[in-house]
Amino acid sequence: MTGNQVTCLGPVTQRSFLKNMGIDSRLQVLLRSCHDPSTRAQLINSYDMLINPEKMGHRFQFFSVLGRGRLAQSQGSQKNLTPVPVAGFTELTTQ
């Protein structure tokens, strides 16, 4: 029994999780540094296999159980707790 000590995140599709983790940016970095046509094709095909909704993108789900303390941070000496983004379960943003 975990009571109120944990919280569950998800499930989210594999596609959403990987996109939230930055798979698009990672693919672009790999493609920029790859000059072998065969390796480039393999990277693109692998990316498609992982995120295409008709392949693995919607067939697999991500789910996480975290201690509540991992989901909030205190603001200095204040006792107000603010939610902390959890990698893969919140949308990736660039600042």
N, C-alpha and C. Protein backbone atom coordinates (compact mmCIF):
# COMPACT_ATOMS: atom_id res chain seq x y z
N MET A 1 0.83 -1.17 0.00
CA MET A 1 0.00 0.00 0.00
C MET A 1 0.88 1.25 0.00
N THR A 2 0.59 2.12 -0.91
CA THR A 2 1.38 3.34 -1.00
C THR A 2 0.63 4.57 -0.52
N GLY A 3 -0.68 4.47 -0.42
CA GLY A 3 -1.47 5.60 0.06
C GLY A 3 -1.22 6.85 -0.75
N ASN A 4 -0.96 7.94 -0.08
CA ASN A 4 -0.71 9.22 -0.76
C ASN A 4 0.78 9.48 -0.97
N GLN A 5 1.60 8.47 -0.84
CA GLN A 5 3.04 8.66 -0.94
C GLN A 5 3.56 8.67 -2.37
N VAL A 6 2.79 8.17 -3.30
CA VAL A 6 3.23 8.12 -4.69
C VAL A 6 2.16 8.71 -5.59
N THR A 7 2.59 9.05 -6.78
CA THR A 7 1.66 9.50 -7.81
C THR A 7 2.01 8.79 -9.10
N CYS A 8 1.02 8.62 -9.95
CA CYS A 8 1.22 7.93 -11.22
C CYS A 8 1.19 8.93 -12.36
N LEU A 9 2.06 8.74 -13.30
CA LEU A 9 2.08 9.55 -14.51
C LEU A 9 1.83 8.65 -15.70
N GLY A 10 1.02 9.14 -16.63
CA GLY A 10 0.72 8.34 -17.80
C GLY A 10 -0.53 7.53 -17.58
N PRO A 11 -0.79 6.63 -18.48
CA PRO A 11 0.12 6.29 -19.58
C PRO A 11 0.08 7.33 -20.70
N VAL A 12 1.21 7.44 -21.38
CA VAL A 12 1.32 8.25 -22.59
C VAL A 12 1.87 7.35 -23.68
N THR A 13 1.53 7.67 -24.91
CA THR A 13 2.03 6.84 -26.01
C THR A 13 3.54 6.96 -26.13
N GLN A 14 4.14 5.93 -26.69
CA GLN A 14 5.58 5.96 -26.93
C GLN A 14 5.94 7.16 -27.79
N ARG A 15 5.11 7.45 -28.78
CA ARG A 15 5.35 8.61 -29.66
C ARG A 15 5.43 9.90 -28.83
N SER A 16 4.45 10.14 -27.98
CA SER A 16 4.45 11.35 -27.15
C SER A 16 5.65 11.39 -26.22
N PHE A 17 5.93 10.27 -25.58
CA PHE A 17 7.04 10.22 -24.64
C PHE A 17 8.36 10.55 -25.33
N LEU A 18 8.62 9.90 -26.46
CA LEU A 18 9.89 10.14 -27.16
C LEU A 18 9.98 11.55 -27.72
N LYS A 19 8.87 12.08 -28.20
CA LYS A 19 8.90 13.47 -28.68
C LYS A 19 9.15 14.42 -27.52
N ASN A 20 8.54 14.16 -26.36
CA ASN A 20 8.78 14.97 -25.18
C ASN A 20 10.24 14.87 -24.71
N MET A 21 10.89 13.75 -25.00
CA MET A 21 12.29 13.56 -24.62
C MET A 21 13.25 14.15 -25.65
N GLY A 22 12.72 14.65 -26.78
CA GLY A 22 13.57 15.32 -27.76
C GLY A 22 14.07 14.45 -28.89
N ILE A 23 13.33 13.40 -29.25
CA ILE A 23 13.79 12.50 -30.30
C ILE A 23 13.97 13.23 -31.64
N ASP A 24 13.13 14.23 -31.92
CA ASP A 24 13.25 14.95 -33.19
C ASP A 24 14.58 15.70 -33.26
N SER A 25 14.92 16.38 -32.18
CA SER A 25 16.20 17.11 -32.14
C SER A 25 17.37 16.15 -32.23
N ARG A 26 17.28 15.03 -31.53
CA ARG A 26 18.37 14.05 -31.55
C ARG A 26 18.55 13.49 -32.96
N LEU A 27 17.46 13.18 -33.64
CA LEU A 27 17.56 12.68 -35.00
C LEU A 27 18.25 13.70 -35.90
N GLN A 28 17.88 14.96 -35.78
CA GLN A 28 18.50 16.01 -36.61
C GLN A 28 20.00 16.10 -36.36
N VAL A 29 20.42 16.01 -35.11
CA VAL A 29 21.85 16.04 -34.78
C VAL A 29 22.56 14.85 -35.41
N LEU A 30 21.97 13.69 -35.29
CA LEU A 30 22.59 12.49 -35.88
C LEU A 30 22.66 12.58 -37.40
N LEU A 31 21.60 13.06 -38.02
CA LEU A 31 21.60 13.16 -39.49
C LEU A 31 22.61 14.19 -39.99
N ARG A 32 22.79 15.29 -39.26
CA ARG A 32 23.78 16.30 -39.66
C ARG A 32 25.20 15.75 -39.65
N SER A 33 25.47 14.85 -38.72
CA SER A 33 26.84 14.33 -38.61
C SER A 33 27.04 13.02 -39.37
N CYS A 34 26.01 12.52 -40.00
CA CYS A 34 26.10 11.23 -40.71
C CYS A 34 26.12 11.48 -42.22
N HIS A 35 27.15 10.96 -42.87
CA HIS A 35 27.29 11.17 -44.31
C HIS A 35 27.13 9.88 -45.11
N ASP A 36 26.97 8.76 -44.43
CA ASP A 36 26.78 7.48 -45.10
C ASP A 36 25.29 7.29 -45.41
N PRO A 37 24.93 7.17 -46.69
CA PRO A 37 23.50 7.04 -47.06
C PRO A 37 22.81 5.85 -46.39
N SER A 38 23.51 4.75 -46.25
CA SER A 38 22.91 3.56 -45.64
C SER A 38 22.59 3.81 -44.16
N THR A 39 23.50 4.44 -43.45
CA THR A 39 23.30 4.74 -42.03
C THR A 39 22.19 5.78 -41.86
N ARG A 40 22.16 6.79 -42.75
CA ARG A 40 21.09 7.79 -42.70
C ARG A 40 19.73 7.13 -42.88
N ALA A 41 19.63 6.23 -43.84
CA ALA A 41 18.37 5.53 -44.10
C ALA A 41 17.97 4.70 -42.88
N GLN A 42 18.94 4.05 -42.25
CA GLN A 42 18.66 3.25 -41.06
C GLN A 42 18.16 4.14 -39.91
N LEU A 43 18.76 5.30 -39.73
CA LEU A 43 18.31 6.23 -38.69
C LEU A 43 16.87 6.66 -38.93
N ILE A 44 16.56 7.02 -40.17
CA ILE A 44 15.20 7.48 -40.51
C ILE A 44 14.19 6.36 -40.35
N ASN A 45 14.55 5.16 -40.80
CA ASN A 45 13.63 4.02 -40.67
C ASN A 45 13.41 3.65 -39.20
N SER A 46 14.46 3.73 -38.40
CA SER A 46 14.34 3.41 -36.98
C SER A 46 13.46 4.45 -36.27
N TYR A 47 13.67 5.71 -36.60
CA TYR A 47 12.84 6.79 -36.05
C TYR A 47 11.37 6.54 -36.39
N ASP A 48 11.11 6.22 -37.65
CA ASP A 48 9.74 5.96 -38.09
C ASP A 48 9.14 4.78 -37.33
N MET A 49 9.92 3.72 -37.14
CA MET A 49 9.42 2.55 -36.43
C MET A 49 9.02 2.90 -35.00
N LEU A 50 9.80 3.77 -34.36
CA LEU A 50 9.54 4.13 -32.97
C LEU A 50 8.36 5.06 -32.77
N ILE A 51 8.13 6.01 -33.70
CA ILE A 51 7.10 7.02 -33.44
C ILE A 51 5.88 6.94 -34.34
N ASN A 52 5.94 6.20 -35.41
CA ASN A 52 4.79 6.09 -36.31
C ASN A 52 3.62 5.45 -35.57
N PRO A 53 2.46 6.11 -35.56
CA PRO A 53 1.30 5.56 -34.85
C PRO A 53 0.88 4.18 -35.37
N GLU A 54 1.15 3.88 -36.61
CA GLU A 54 0.79 2.58 -37.18
C GLU A 54 1.80 1.49 -36.84
N LYS A 55 2.92 1.88 -36.28
CA LYS A 55 3.96 0.91 -35.89
C LYS A 55 4.03 0.89 -34.36
N MET A 56 5.14 1.30 -33.78
CA MET A 56 5.28 1.25 -32.32
C MET A 56 4.76 2.50 -31.60
N GLY A 57 4.56 3.59 -32.34
CA GLY A 57 4.23 4.87 -31.73
C GLY A 57 3.02 4.88 -30.82
N HIS A 58 1.97 4.14 -31.19
CA HIS A 58 0.76 4.09 -30.35
C HIS A 58 0.52 2.72 -29.75
N ARG A 59 1.33 1.76 -30.11
CA ARG A 59 1.15 0.41 -29.57
C ARG A 59 1.79 0.23 -28.20
N PHE A 60 2.74 1.08 -27.89
CA PHE A 60 3.43 1.00 -26.61
C PHE A 60 3.15 2.25 -25.80
N GLN A 61 3.06 2.08 -24.49
CA GLN A 61 2.72 3.17 -23.57
C GLN A 61 3.80 3.28 -22.49
N PHE A 62 3.98 4.49 -21.99
CA PHE A 62 4.88 4.74 -20.87
C PHE A 62 4.04 5.12 -19.65
N PHE A 63 4.46 4.58 -18.52
CA PHE A 63 3.77 4.79 -17.26
C PHE A 63 4.84 4.90 -16.17
N SER A 64 4.64 5.78 -15.21
CA SER A 64 5.63 5.94 -14.15
C SER A 64 4.94 6.11 -12.81
N VAL A 65 5.57 5.57 -11.78
CA VAL A 65 5.12 5.76 -10.41
C VAL A 65 6.26 6.47 -9.68
N LEU A 66 5.98 7.65 -9.16
CA LEU A 66 7.00 8.44 -8.48
C LEU A 66 6.55 8.82 -7.09
N GLY A 67 7.53 8.95 -6.20
CA GLY A 67 7.24 9.49 -4.87
C GLY A 67 6.80 10.94 -5.00
N ARG A 68 5.83 11.34 -4.24
CA ARG A 68 5.30 12.71 -4.34
C ARG A 68 6.38 13.77 -4.15
N GLY A 69 7.39 13.50 -3.36
CA GLY A 69 8.46 14.45 -3.14
C GLY A 69 9.24 14.76 -4.40
N ARG A 70 9.22 13.87 -5.39
CA ARG A 70 9.92 14.08 -6.66
C ARG A 70 9.15 15.01 -7.58
N LEU A 71 7.89 15.30 -7.28
CA LEU A 71 7.05 16.07 -8.17
C LEU A 71 6.86 17.52 -7.76
N ALA A 72 7.47 17.94 -6.67
CA ALA A 72 7.30 19.32 -6.23
C ALA A 72 8.61 19.84 -5.69
N GLN A 73 8.80 21.13 -5.83
CA GLN A 73 9.99 21.77 -5.26
C GLN A 73 9.56 22.98 -4.47
N SER A 74 10.27 23.24 -3.40
CA SER A 74 9.91 24.41 -2.59
C SER A 74 10.54 25.65 -3.19
N GLN A 75 9.91 26.77 -2.98
CA GLN A 75 10.39 28.06 -3.47
C GLN A 75 11.12 28.76 -2.33
N GLY A 76 12.41 28.51 -2.18
CA GLY A 76 13.19 29.13 -1.12
C GLY A 76 12.68 28.70 0.24
N SER A 77 12.43 29.67 1.11
CA SER A 77 11.95 29.34 2.45
C SER A 77 10.43 29.19 2.48
N GLN A 78 9.79 29.47 1.34
CA GLN A 78 8.34 29.35 1.29
C GLN A 78 7.95 27.88 1.31
N LYS A 79 6.78 27.61 1.79
CA LYS A 79 6.30 26.23 1.82
C LYS A 79 5.42 25.91 0.62
N ASN A 80 5.28 26.88 -0.29
CA ASN A 80 4.50 26.62 -1.50
C ASN A 80 5.29 25.68 -2.38
N LEU A 81 4.67 24.60 -2.77
CA LEU A 81 5.34 23.64 -3.64
C LEU A 81 4.82 23.81 -5.05
N THR A 82 5.75 23.88 -5.99
CA THR A 82 5.36 24.01 -7.39
C THR A 82 5.70 22.72 -8.12
N PRO A 83 4.86 22.32 -9.08
CA PRO A 83 5.12 21.08 -9.81
C PRO A 83 6.42 21.18 -10.62
N VAL A 84 7.14 20.10 -10.65
CA VAL A 84 8.37 20.00 -11.44
C VAL A 84 8.05 19.17 -12.66
N PRO A 85 8.48 19.61 -13.85
CA PRO A 85 8.24 18.79 -15.03
C PRO A 85 8.96 17.45 -14.92
N VAL A 86 8.36 16.42 -15.43
CA VAL A 86 8.95 15.09 -15.41
C VAL A 86 9.28 14.72 -16.85
N ALA A 87 10.55 14.43 -17.09
CA ALA A 87 11.02 14.13 -18.45
C ALA A 87 10.17 13.05 -19.11
N GLY A 88 9.74 13.36 -20.31
CA GLY A 88 8.95 12.42 -21.09
C GLY A 88 7.45 12.53 -20.88
N PHE A 89 7.04 13.05 -19.72
CA PHE A 89 5.63 13.15 -19.41
C PHE A 89 5.11 14.57 -19.54
N THR A 90 6.01 15.51 -19.78
CA THR A 90 5.61 16.90 -20.03
C THR A 90 6.23 17.32 -21.34
N GLU A 91 5.56 18.22 -22.01
CA GLU A 91 6.00 18.65 -23.34
C GLU A 91 7.36 19.34 -23.27
N LEU A 92 8.23 18.96 -24.19
CA LEU A 92 9.58 19.52 -24.25
C LEU A 92 9.48 20.95 -24.79
N THR A 93 10.09 21.90 -24.08
CA THR A 93 10.14 23.27 -24.56
C THR A 93 11.59 23.73 -24.55
N THR A 94 11.91 24.62 -25.47
CA THR A 94 13.24 25.21 -25.49
C THR A 94 13.15 26.62 -25.01
N GLN A 95 14.10 27.02 -24.21
CA GLN A 95 14.07 28.37 -23.65
C GLN A 95 15.26 29.15 -24.14
